[in-house]
N, C-alpha and C. Protein backbone atom coordinates (compact mmCIF):
# COMPACT_ATOMS: atom_id res chain seq x y z
N MET A 1 0.82 -1.18 0.02
CA MET A 1 0.00 -0.01 -0.01
C MET A 1 0.87 1.27 0.02
N LEU A 2 1.86 1.31 0.88
CA LEU A 2 2.72 2.46 0.98
C LEU A 2 3.56 2.63 -0.32
N PHE A 3 3.99 1.50 -0.89
CA PHE A 3 4.73 1.52 -2.17
C PHE A 3 3.81 2.05 -3.28
N THR A 4 2.59 1.60 -3.40
CA THR A 4 1.66 2.07 -4.39
C THR A 4 1.39 3.55 -4.26
N THR A 5 1.22 4.01 -2.99
CA THR A 5 1.00 5.45 -2.78
C THR A 5 2.19 6.23 -3.23
N PHE A 6 3.43 5.72 -2.97
CA PHE A 6 4.61 6.44 -3.35
C PHE A 6 4.75 6.55 -4.89
N ILE A 7 4.39 5.45 -5.60
CA ILE A 7 4.42 5.48 -7.07
C ILE A 7 3.42 6.46 -7.58
N THR A 8 2.15 6.50 -7.02
CA THR A 8 1.17 7.38 -7.44
C THR A 8 1.62 8.84 -7.28
N ILE A 9 2.22 9.13 -6.11
CA ILE A 9 2.67 10.50 -5.87
C ILE A 9 3.84 10.83 -6.81
N ALA A 10 4.77 9.86 -7.00
CA ALA A 10 5.90 10.10 -7.89
C ALA A 10 5.39 10.36 -9.32
N THR A 11 4.40 9.57 -9.74
CA THR A 11 3.85 9.77 -11.06
C THR A 11 3.23 11.15 -11.21
N ALA A 12 2.44 11.56 -10.20
CA ALA A 12 1.83 12.89 -10.26
C ALA A 12 2.91 13.97 -10.28
N LEU A 13 3.94 13.81 -9.50
CA LEU A 13 4.95 14.79 -9.52
C LEU A 13 5.69 14.85 -10.89
N THR A 14 5.92 13.68 -11.49
CA THR A 14 6.52 13.65 -12.84
C THR A 14 5.69 14.36 -13.84
N ILE A 15 4.39 14.10 -13.82
CA ILE A 15 3.50 14.77 -14.79
C ILE A 15 3.50 16.29 -14.58
N THR A 16 3.43 16.68 -13.29
CA THR A 16 3.51 18.13 -13.04
C THR A 16 4.82 18.73 -13.51
N TYR A 17 5.88 18.03 -13.25
CA TYR A 17 7.22 18.53 -13.68
C TYR A 17 7.33 18.63 -15.19
N THR A 18 6.86 17.63 -15.89
CA THR A 18 6.87 17.59 -17.30
C THR A 18 6.08 18.77 -17.87
N HIS A 19 4.85 18.97 -17.34
CA HIS A 19 4.03 20.08 -17.75
C HIS A 19 4.71 21.42 -17.56
N ALA A 20 5.26 21.58 -16.36
CA ALA A 20 5.95 22.84 -16.06
C ALA A 20 7.20 23.03 -16.95
N ALA A 21 7.89 21.94 -17.19
CA ALA A 21 9.11 22.00 -18.04
C ALA A 21 8.76 22.46 -19.45
N ALA A 22 7.54 22.12 -19.92
CA ALA A 22 7.14 22.48 -21.27
C ALA A 22 7.22 24.01 -21.53
N VAL A 23 7.09 24.82 -20.53
CA VAL A 23 7.20 26.25 -20.68
C VAL A 23 8.57 26.59 -21.27
N GLY A 24 9.61 25.90 -20.89
CA GLY A 24 10.93 26.11 -21.37
C GLY A 24 11.05 25.79 -22.85
N GLU A 25 10.12 24.94 -23.33
CA GLU A 25 10.17 24.54 -24.70
C GLU A 25 9.48 25.51 -25.68
N CYS A 26 8.87 26.58 -25.12
CA CYS A 26 8.22 27.62 -25.93
C CYS A 26 9.29 28.39 -26.63
N VAL A 27 9.02 28.70 -27.92
CA VAL A 27 9.99 29.37 -28.74
C VAL A 27 9.45 30.68 -29.26
N THR A 28 10.15 31.75 -29.18
CA THR A 28 9.73 33.04 -29.64
C THR A 28 9.63 33.02 -31.17
N VAL A 29 8.41 33.36 -31.70
CA VAL A 29 8.22 33.42 -33.17
C VAL A 29 7.87 34.80 -33.66
N ARG A 30 7.62 35.77 -32.73
CA ARG A 30 7.35 37.14 -33.12
C ARG A 30 7.69 38.07 -31.99
N ARG A 31 8.28 39.17 -32.31
CA ARG A 31 8.61 40.21 -31.31
C ARG A 31 8.05 41.53 -31.81
N GLY A 32 7.65 42.39 -30.89
CA GLY A 32 7.13 43.70 -31.21
C GLY A 32 6.30 44.30 -30.14
N TYR A 33 5.42 45.14 -30.47
CA TYR A 33 4.59 45.85 -29.45
C TYR A 33 3.17 45.33 -29.55
N LEU A 34 2.59 45.03 -28.40
CA LEU A 34 1.22 44.61 -28.35
C LEU A 34 0.35 45.82 -28.72
N ALA A 35 -0.44 45.68 -29.78
CA ALA A 35 -1.14 46.84 -30.34
C ALA A 35 -2.57 46.55 -30.75
N ALA A 36 -3.32 47.67 -30.86
CA ALA A 36 -4.67 47.61 -31.39
C ALA A 36 -4.60 48.25 -32.79
N ASN A 37 -5.38 47.76 -33.75
CA ASN A 37 -5.51 48.40 -35.01
C ASN A 37 -6.65 49.43 -34.92
N VAL A 38 -6.26 50.69 -34.75
CA VAL A 38 -7.25 51.76 -34.66
C VAL A 38 -7.23 52.58 -35.93
N SER A 39 -8.26 52.50 -36.70
CA SER A 39 -8.32 53.25 -37.96
C SER A 39 -7.08 52.99 -38.83
N ASP A 40 -6.66 51.76 -38.96
CA ASP A 40 -5.47 51.35 -39.76
C ASP A 40 -4.18 51.85 -39.27
N THR A 41 -4.11 52.21 -37.99
CA THR A 41 -2.87 52.62 -37.30
C THR A 41 -2.67 51.77 -36.05
N PHE A 42 -1.47 51.20 -35.90
CA PHE A 42 -1.26 50.35 -34.71
C PHE A 42 -1.00 51.29 -33.52
N LYS A 43 -1.85 51.13 -32.53
CA LYS A 43 -1.76 51.94 -31.30
C LYS A 43 -1.39 50.95 -30.13
N SER A 44 -0.36 51.29 -29.40
CA SER A 44 0.15 50.38 -28.42
C SER A 44 -0.69 50.29 -27.17
N PHE A 45 -0.68 49.06 -26.61
CA PHE A 45 -1.24 48.80 -25.23
C PHE A 45 -0.07 49.12 -24.24
N THR A 46 -0.42 49.23 -23.02
CA THR A 46 0.54 49.44 -21.97
C THR A 46 0.03 48.72 -20.73
N LEU A 47 0.66 48.89 -19.56
CA LEU A 47 0.18 48.32 -18.31
C LEU A 47 -0.25 49.47 -17.42
N ASN A 48 -1.37 49.28 -16.67
CA ASN A 48 -1.75 50.28 -15.68
C ASN A 48 -0.99 50.05 -14.36
N LYS A 49 -1.30 50.85 -13.36
CA LYS A 49 -0.58 50.72 -12.06
C LYS A 49 -0.86 49.39 -11.40
N ALA A 50 -1.97 48.79 -11.70
CA ALA A 50 -2.33 47.49 -11.12
C ALA A 50 -1.69 46.30 -11.90
N GLY A 51 -0.95 46.61 -12.96
CA GLY A 51 -0.32 45.61 -13.78
C GLY A 51 -1.26 44.92 -14.76
N GLN A 52 -2.36 45.57 -15.04
CA GLN A 52 -3.31 44.99 -16.02
C GLN A 52 -3.06 45.62 -17.39
N LEU A 53 -3.52 44.96 -18.41
CA LEU A 53 -3.42 45.48 -19.78
C LEU A 53 -4.29 46.79 -19.82
N ALA A 54 -3.73 47.80 -20.40
CA ALA A 54 -4.36 49.11 -20.44
C ALA A 54 -4.13 49.83 -21.75
N TYR A 55 -4.97 50.82 -22.01
CA TYR A 55 -4.83 51.60 -23.25
C TYR A 55 -4.92 53.07 -22.84
N THR A 56 -3.92 53.85 -23.26
CA THR A 56 -3.96 55.27 -23.04
C THR A 56 -4.13 56.08 -24.31
N GLY A 57 -3.71 55.51 -25.41
CA GLY A 57 -3.87 56.21 -26.68
C GLY A 57 -2.75 57.18 -26.95
N ASP A 58 -1.81 57.35 -26.04
CA ASP A 58 -0.75 58.35 -26.22
C ASP A 58 0.56 57.74 -26.68
N GLY A 59 0.67 56.41 -26.70
CA GLY A 59 1.90 55.77 -27.13
C GLY A 59 3.03 55.75 -26.12
N LYS A 60 2.73 56.25 -24.94
CA LYS A 60 3.77 56.21 -23.86
C LYS A 60 3.83 54.87 -23.21
N LYS A 61 5.02 54.40 -22.91
CA LYS A 61 5.27 53.15 -22.27
C LYS A 61 4.63 52.00 -23.04
N PRO A 62 4.96 51.88 -24.34
CA PRO A 62 4.34 50.78 -25.10
C PRO A 62 4.79 49.39 -24.56
N LEU A 63 3.89 48.44 -24.68
CA LEU A 63 4.18 47.12 -24.14
C LEU A 63 4.92 46.26 -25.14
N LYS A 64 6.22 46.05 -24.96
CA LYS A 64 6.99 45.24 -25.81
C LYS A 64 6.76 43.77 -25.43
N VAL A 65 6.40 42.87 -26.41
CA VAL A 65 6.09 41.52 -26.14
C VAL A 65 6.81 40.55 -27.08
N GLU A 66 6.73 39.29 -26.75
CA GLU A 66 7.19 38.25 -27.60
C GLU A 66 6.02 37.22 -27.66
N PHE A 67 5.67 36.78 -28.83
CA PHE A 67 4.67 35.65 -28.96
C PHE A 67 5.52 34.42 -29.02
N ARG A 68 5.31 33.50 -28.03
CA ARG A 68 6.09 32.30 -27.99
C ARG A 68 5.22 31.07 -28.31
N HIS A 69 5.61 30.34 -29.32
CA HIS A 69 4.89 29.12 -29.68
C HIS A 69 5.28 28.02 -28.68
N CYS A 70 4.26 27.34 -28.17
CA CYS A 70 4.50 26.26 -27.22
C CYS A 70 3.94 25.00 -27.84
N PRO A 71 4.83 24.11 -28.39
CA PRO A 71 4.38 22.86 -29.05
C PRO A 71 3.43 22.02 -28.18
N VAL A 72 3.61 22.08 -26.85
CA VAL A 72 2.78 21.30 -25.95
C VAL A 72 1.31 21.73 -26.09
N LEU A 73 1.04 22.92 -26.59
CA LEU A 73 -0.34 23.45 -26.79
C LEU A 73 -0.95 23.10 -28.13
N ASP A 74 -0.14 22.56 -29.04
CA ASP A 74 -0.70 22.16 -30.36
C ASP A 74 -1.82 21.15 -30.10
N GLN A 75 -2.95 21.37 -30.85
CA GLN A 75 -4.10 20.45 -30.72
C GLN A 75 -4.21 19.59 -31.94
N PRO A 76 -4.50 18.30 -31.72
CA PRO A 76 -4.73 17.39 -32.85
C PRO A 76 -5.93 17.93 -33.61
N GLY A 77 -5.80 17.99 -34.93
CA GLY A 77 -6.88 18.51 -35.75
C GLY A 77 -6.75 20.01 -36.01
N GLY A 78 -5.84 20.68 -35.31
CA GLY A 78 -5.58 22.09 -35.55
C GLY A 78 -4.81 22.27 -36.89
N ASP A 79 -4.87 23.47 -37.44
CA ASP A 79 -4.20 23.77 -38.71
C ASP A 79 -3.00 24.63 -38.44
N PRO A 80 -1.74 24.03 -38.32
CA PRO A 80 -0.55 24.80 -38.05
C PRO A 80 -0.23 25.84 -39.11
N SER A 81 -0.79 25.74 -40.30
CA SER A 81 -0.50 26.78 -41.31
C SER A 81 -1.33 28.05 -41.03
N ILE A 82 -2.31 27.97 -40.12
CA ILE A 82 -3.13 29.10 -39.77
C ILE A 82 -2.91 29.56 -38.35
N ASP A 83 -2.93 28.54 -37.41
CA ASP A 83 -2.93 28.83 -36.00
C ASP A 83 -1.59 28.39 -35.32
N THR A 84 -1.09 29.32 -34.54
CA THR A 84 0.14 29.05 -33.73
C THR A 84 -0.22 29.29 -32.29
N PRO A 85 -0.43 28.18 -31.47
CA PRO A 85 -0.79 28.37 -30.09
C PRO A 85 0.45 28.72 -29.25
N GLY A 86 0.25 29.57 -28.23
CA GLY A 86 1.37 29.95 -27.41
C GLY A 86 1.01 30.85 -26.29
N GLN A 87 1.93 31.71 -25.93
CA GLN A 87 1.74 32.63 -24.85
C GLN A 87 2.35 34.03 -25.22
N VAL A 88 1.83 35.05 -24.55
CA VAL A 88 2.30 36.42 -24.72
C VAL A 88 3.30 36.69 -23.59
N TYR A 89 4.57 36.79 -23.91
CA TYR A 89 5.63 36.99 -22.93
C TYR A 89 6.06 38.45 -22.92
N ILE A 90 6.19 39.03 -21.71
CA ILE A 90 6.65 40.42 -21.58
C ILE A 90 8.05 40.38 -21.00
N PRO A 91 9.09 40.55 -21.87
CA PRO A 91 10.46 40.35 -21.41
C PRO A 91 10.90 41.34 -20.32
N ALA A 92 10.42 42.54 -20.34
CA ALA A 92 10.84 43.51 -19.31
C ALA A 92 10.43 43.06 -17.89
N HIS A 93 9.39 42.27 -17.81
CA HIS A 93 8.89 41.80 -16.50
C HIS A 93 9.20 40.30 -16.30
N LYS A 94 9.67 39.63 -17.35
CA LYS A 94 9.94 38.17 -17.29
C LYS A 94 8.68 37.41 -16.82
N LYS A 95 7.54 37.83 -17.39
CA LYS A 95 6.26 37.22 -17.08
C LYS A 95 5.37 37.15 -18.32
N CYS A 96 4.29 36.45 -18.20
CA CYS A 96 3.37 36.31 -19.33
C CYS A 96 1.99 36.95 -19.02
N LEU A 97 1.33 37.37 -20.07
CA LEU A 97 -0.01 37.87 -19.95
C LEU A 97 -0.97 36.75 -19.62
N ALA A 98 -1.78 36.89 -18.58
CA ALA A 98 -2.69 35.85 -18.14
C ALA A 98 -4.06 36.48 -17.93
N ILE A 99 -5.06 35.62 -18.02
CA ILE A 99 -6.43 36.01 -17.68
C ILE A 99 -6.68 35.54 -16.25
N THR A 100 -7.08 36.48 -15.37
CA THR A 100 -7.20 36.21 -13.95
C THR A 100 -8.50 35.47 -13.63
N ASN A 101 -9.53 35.63 -14.43
CA ASN A 101 -10.83 34.99 -14.14
C ASN A 101 -11.19 33.99 -15.24
N GLN A 102 -10.21 33.24 -15.72
CA GLN A 102 -10.43 32.27 -16.80
C GLN A 102 -11.58 31.30 -16.53
N PRO A 103 -11.79 30.77 -15.35
CA PRO A 103 -12.89 29.78 -15.15
C PRO A 103 -14.27 30.32 -15.41
N ASP A 104 -14.44 31.67 -15.42
CA ASP A 104 -15.80 32.24 -15.62
C ASP A 104 -16.29 31.83 -17.02
N ALA A 105 -17.56 31.44 -17.10
CA ALA A 105 -18.15 31.01 -18.37
C ALA A 105 -18.26 32.14 -19.37
N GLU A 106 -18.41 33.38 -18.90
CA GLU A 106 -18.54 34.53 -19.77
C GLU A 106 -17.65 35.65 -19.29
N GLY A 107 -17.26 36.54 -20.21
CA GLY A 107 -16.49 37.71 -19.88
C GLY A 107 -17.34 38.79 -19.37
N PRO A 108 -16.79 39.94 -19.08
CA PRO A 108 -15.39 40.29 -19.49
C PRO A 108 -14.35 39.57 -18.66
N TYR A 109 -13.18 39.45 -19.30
CA TYR A 109 -12.06 38.77 -18.62
C TYR A 109 -10.97 39.86 -18.34
N HIS A 110 -10.31 39.67 -17.22
CA HIS A 110 -9.31 40.63 -16.78
C HIS A 110 -7.93 40.05 -16.91
N THR A 111 -6.90 40.90 -17.05
CA THR A 111 -5.56 40.50 -17.30
C THR A 111 -4.63 40.85 -16.15
N ALA A 112 -3.53 40.14 -16.12
CA ALA A 112 -2.45 40.40 -15.14
C ALA A 112 -1.18 39.75 -15.72
N LEU A 113 -0.02 40.19 -15.21
CA LEU A 113 1.22 39.54 -15.54
C LEU A 113 1.51 38.50 -14.50
N GLU A 114 1.79 37.28 -14.88
CA GLU A 114 2.06 36.18 -13.95
C GLU A 114 3.21 35.32 -14.48
N GLU A 115 3.73 34.49 -13.60
CA GLU A 115 4.79 33.54 -14.01
C GLU A 115 4.26 32.71 -15.18
N CYS A 116 5.02 32.54 -16.18
CA CYS A 116 4.56 31.83 -17.41
C CYS A 116 4.15 30.37 -17.11
N ALA A 117 3.16 29.90 -17.78
CA ALA A 117 2.70 28.54 -17.69
C ALA A 117 1.98 28.18 -18.98
N THR A 118 1.67 26.93 -19.17
CA THR A 118 0.91 26.52 -20.35
C THR A 118 -0.50 26.05 -19.96
N THR A 119 -1.02 26.68 -18.93
CA THR A 119 -2.40 26.39 -18.53
C THR A 119 -3.35 27.39 -19.18
N TRP A 120 -4.66 27.10 -19.12
CA TRP A 120 -5.65 27.89 -19.84
C TRP A 120 -5.56 29.41 -19.68
N PRO A 121 -5.32 29.96 -18.49
CA PRO A 121 -5.24 31.41 -18.43
C PRO A 121 -4.17 32.09 -19.34
N PHE A 122 -3.22 31.29 -19.79
CA PHE A 122 -2.13 31.81 -20.59
C PHE A 122 -2.18 31.47 -22.05
N VAL A 123 -3.19 30.71 -22.52
CA VAL A 123 -3.23 30.19 -23.88
C VAL A 123 -3.78 31.20 -24.87
N PHE A 124 -2.91 31.66 -25.71
CA PHE A 124 -3.26 32.59 -26.80
C PHE A 124 -2.99 31.85 -28.14
N VAL A 125 -3.51 32.37 -29.18
CA VAL A 125 -3.18 31.82 -30.51
C VAL A 125 -2.88 32.98 -31.46
N MET A 126 -1.84 32.81 -32.23
CA MET A 126 -1.56 33.74 -33.32
C MET A 126 -2.13 33.15 -34.56
N ARG A 127 -3.09 33.82 -35.16
CA ARG A 127 -3.83 33.27 -36.33
C ARG A 127 -3.51 34.10 -37.53
N ASP A 128 -3.16 33.50 -38.61
CA ASP A 128 -2.88 34.18 -39.89
C ASP A 128 -4.21 34.26 -40.61
N VAL A 129 -4.85 35.46 -40.53
CA VAL A 129 -6.18 35.65 -41.11
C VAL A 129 -6.04 36.34 -42.47
N PRO A 130 -6.60 35.66 -43.53
CA PRO A 130 -6.55 36.28 -44.91
C PRO A 130 -7.10 37.73 -44.87
N ASP A 131 -6.41 38.58 -45.60
CA ASP A 131 -6.82 40.03 -45.73
C ASP A 131 -6.68 40.83 -44.41
N ILE A 132 -6.24 40.20 -43.36
CA ILE A 132 -6.03 40.94 -42.11
C ILE A 132 -4.59 40.80 -41.64
N GLY A 133 -4.04 39.58 -41.78
CA GLY A 133 -2.68 39.32 -41.32
C GLY A 133 -2.70 38.62 -39.99
N GLU A 134 -1.54 38.63 -39.30
CA GLU A 134 -1.43 37.94 -38.04
C GLU A 134 -2.22 38.65 -36.94
N SER A 135 -3.09 37.91 -36.34
CA SER A 135 -3.93 38.40 -35.26
C SER A 135 -3.77 37.47 -34.04
N VAL A 136 -3.76 38.08 -32.87
CA VAL A 136 -3.55 37.33 -31.65
C VAL A 136 -4.84 37.38 -30.80
N TYR A 137 -5.30 36.18 -30.41
CA TYR A 137 -6.49 36.03 -29.63
C TYR A 137 -6.15 35.20 -28.35
N TRP A 138 -6.93 35.45 -27.29
CA TRP A 138 -6.90 34.57 -26.15
C TRP A 138 -7.93 33.51 -26.41
N ILE A 139 -7.54 32.21 -26.28
CA ILE A 139 -8.50 31.15 -26.56
C ILE A 139 -8.81 30.36 -25.25
N GLY A 140 -7.98 30.47 -24.24
CA GLY A 140 -8.27 29.77 -23.00
C GLY A 140 -8.47 28.30 -23.21
N SER A 141 -9.65 27.78 -22.77
CA SER A 141 -9.96 26.36 -22.82
C SER A 141 -10.60 25.92 -24.14
N THR A 142 -10.64 26.78 -25.16
CA THR A 142 -11.28 26.44 -26.45
C THR A 142 -10.54 25.27 -27.06
N ASP A 143 -11.34 24.32 -27.61
CA ASP A 143 -10.79 23.21 -28.35
C ASP A 143 -11.11 23.36 -29.82
N VAL A 144 -10.30 22.67 -30.66
CA VAL A 144 -10.44 22.88 -32.13
C VAL A 144 -11.80 22.32 -32.64
N GLU A 145 -12.38 21.42 -31.93
CA GLU A 145 -13.68 20.89 -32.38
C GLU A 145 -14.78 21.91 -32.12
N GLY A 146 -14.53 22.89 -31.29
CA GLY A 146 -15.55 23.93 -30.96
C GLY A 146 -16.59 23.46 -29.93
N THR A 147 -16.27 22.33 -29.30
CA THR A 147 -17.20 21.81 -28.24
C THR A 147 -17.10 22.53 -26.94
N MET A 148 -15.95 23.22 -26.73
CA MET A 148 -15.73 23.94 -25.47
C MET A 148 -15.22 25.34 -25.76
N PRO A 149 -16.03 26.21 -26.38
CA PRO A 149 -15.51 27.59 -26.66
C PRO A 149 -15.46 28.46 -25.42
N GLN A 150 -14.24 28.92 -25.09
CA GLN A 150 -14.11 29.80 -23.96
C GLN A 150 -14.96 31.05 -24.14
N GLY A 151 -15.66 31.47 -23.13
CA GLY A 151 -16.46 32.70 -23.15
C GLY A 151 -17.60 32.70 -24.15
N GLY A 152 -17.89 31.56 -24.72
CA GLY A 152 -19.04 31.47 -25.64
C GLY A 152 -18.68 31.69 -27.07
N CYS A 153 -17.44 32.16 -27.38
CA CYS A 153 -17.09 32.39 -28.76
C CYS A 153 -15.75 31.72 -29.16
N GLY A 154 -14.87 31.44 -28.18
CA GLY A 154 -13.66 30.74 -28.48
C GLY A 154 -12.46 31.58 -28.80
N PHE A 155 -12.64 32.63 -29.58
CA PHE A 155 -11.55 33.53 -29.98
C PHE A 155 -11.84 34.88 -29.37
N LEU A 156 -11.14 35.25 -28.31
CA LEU A 156 -11.43 36.50 -27.63
C LEU A 156 -10.32 37.51 -27.86
N GLY A 157 -10.76 38.77 -28.03
CA GLY A 157 -9.81 39.85 -28.24
C GLY A 157 -10.15 40.99 -27.26
N TYR A 158 -9.62 42.17 -27.58
CA TYR A 158 -9.93 43.26 -26.65
C TYR A 158 -11.27 43.85 -26.94
N ASP A 159 -11.83 44.50 -25.88
CA ASP A 159 -13.11 45.16 -25.96
C ASP A 159 -12.94 46.44 -26.77
N ALA A 160 -13.53 46.50 -27.97
CA ALA A 160 -13.26 47.62 -28.86
C ALA A 160 -14.57 48.42 -29.16
N GLY A 161 -14.35 49.69 -29.40
CA GLY A 161 -15.41 50.60 -29.83
C GLY A 161 -15.28 50.91 -31.30
N VAL A 162 -15.56 52.15 -31.69
CA VAL A 162 -15.54 52.60 -33.06
C VAL A 162 -14.12 52.49 -33.65
N LYS A 163 -14.07 51.96 -34.82
CA LYS A 163 -12.79 51.83 -35.63
C LYS A 163 -11.68 51.09 -34.91
N GLY A 164 -12.04 50.15 -34.00
CA GLY A 164 -11.09 49.34 -33.35
C GLY A 164 -10.41 49.93 -32.08
N LYS A 165 -10.87 51.16 -31.69
CA LYS A 165 -10.33 51.79 -30.53
C LYS A 165 -10.70 51.04 -29.26
N PRO A 166 -9.69 50.65 -28.45
CA PRO A 166 -9.98 49.91 -27.21
C PRO A 166 -10.90 50.69 -26.29
N VAL A 167 -11.87 50.06 -25.69
CA VAL A 167 -12.74 50.69 -24.70
C VAL A 167 -11.96 50.66 -23.37
N ARG A 168 -11.88 51.81 -22.74
CA ARG A 168 -11.16 51.91 -21.49
C ARG A 168 -12.14 51.81 -20.33
N HIS A 169 -11.80 51.00 -19.37
CA HIS A 169 -12.59 50.80 -18.20
C HIS A 169 -11.83 51.45 -16.98
N PRO A 170 -12.34 51.43 -15.79
CA PRO A 170 -11.62 52.03 -14.67
C PRO A 170 -10.16 51.65 -14.64
N GLY A 171 -9.28 52.57 -14.41
CA GLY A 171 -7.85 52.36 -14.34
C GLY A 171 -7.27 52.19 -15.75
N LYS A 172 -8.04 52.62 -16.77
CA LYS A 172 -7.66 52.48 -18.19
C LYS A 172 -7.49 51.02 -18.63
N GLU A 173 -8.08 50.10 -17.79
CA GLU A 173 -8.01 48.67 -18.05
C GLU A 173 -8.74 48.33 -19.37
N VAL A 174 -8.17 47.38 -20.07
CA VAL A 174 -8.83 46.87 -21.28
C VAL A 174 -9.30 45.49 -20.95
N PHE A 175 -10.60 45.21 -21.21
CA PHE A 175 -11.17 43.91 -20.99
C PHE A 175 -10.92 43.03 -22.22
N VAL A 176 -10.83 41.72 -21.92
CA VAL A 176 -10.80 40.73 -23.05
C VAL A 176 -12.19 40.17 -23.15
N THR A 177 -12.76 40.23 -24.39
CA THR A 177 -14.17 39.83 -24.58
C THR A 177 -14.32 39.14 -25.93
N CYS A 178 -15.50 38.62 -26.18
CA CYS A 178 -15.82 38.05 -27.47
C CYS A 178 -16.06 39.22 -28.45
N GLY A 179 -16.60 40.32 -28.05
CA GLY A 179 -16.90 41.39 -28.99
C GLY A 179 -17.77 40.81 -30.08
N GLY A 180 -17.48 41.26 -31.33
CA GLY A 180 -18.14 40.55 -32.48
C GLY A 180 -17.34 39.29 -32.66
N TYR A 181 -17.99 38.21 -33.17
CA TYR A 181 -17.20 36.98 -33.33
C TYR A 181 -16.33 37.11 -34.53
N PRO A 182 -15.05 36.79 -34.46
CA PRO A 182 -14.35 36.63 -33.21
C PRO A 182 -14.08 37.96 -32.57
N GLY A 183 -13.49 38.00 -31.37
CA GLY A 183 -13.15 39.24 -30.72
C GLY A 183 -12.23 40.12 -31.55
N THR A 184 -12.11 41.38 -31.18
CA THR A 184 -11.18 42.28 -31.93
C THR A 184 -9.76 41.82 -31.55
N PRO A 185 -8.99 41.43 -32.59
CA PRO A 185 -7.71 40.81 -32.28
C PRO A 185 -6.62 41.79 -31.88
N PHE A 186 -5.78 41.29 -31.02
CA PHE A 186 -4.57 42.00 -30.66
C PHE A 186 -3.63 41.83 -31.86
N ARG A 187 -2.67 42.78 -31.98
CA ARG A 187 -1.63 42.67 -33.04
C ARG A 187 -0.29 42.76 -32.37
N ILE A 188 0.71 42.29 -33.04
CA ILE A 188 2.10 42.46 -32.57
C ILE A 188 2.75 43.24 -33.71
N ALA A 189 3.01 44.51 -33.42
CA ALA A 189 3.46 45.43 -34.46
C ALA A 189 4.96 45.75 -34.25
N LYS A 190 5.68 45.94 -35.34
CA LYS A 190 7.11 46.31 -35.24
C LYS A 190 7.24 47.72 -34.68
N LYS A 191 6.20 48.55 -35.01
CA LYS A 191 6.23 49.90 -34.55
C LYS A 191 4.78 50.26 -34.15
N ALA A 192 4.65 50.88 -33.02
CA ALA A 192 3.30 51.27 -32.60
C ALA A 192 3.39 52.65 -31.95
N CYS A 193 2.33 53.45 -32.08
CA CYS A 193 2.36 54.75 -31.44
C CYS A 193 1.31 54.87 -30.37
């Protein structure tokens, strides 16, 4: 009995270690500034004092990010020519963008910087959309079959108003929502104002 319990605990620890180690296997595929496409101009996001994703519209303190592909997040049946699953890494803070209320069935969803992981609060996808280009969405627990769409739509972006301008909430926080399906995508721009 004691031996079986030890093996079970050791197995659980091995699985946890392997899952955590997968973060190190994530590879940077894109670098730039996390941005919104506002009237065909890339406008940078930033962080507010609470460490949440925010939008000021003035281009000050743009949020430099890396999109890191994590092979452990590849889904069977997914199309790697279109979708690259991964995480949004913020090198200046050595942390990743995460959704703090991921288990909620519906948004709005809130953001924070946290230690990187490959669990649902951190799962984003960079999608190559025809006529739009590379777009970044938070997908959370969404599966490729569409049987479990996070937030009711599966591809969530920032809460946007007219011409793609991010809607600012208290503290200039930007919510992650379904918006129109799919949500208004984040962009990773070489230059953003």
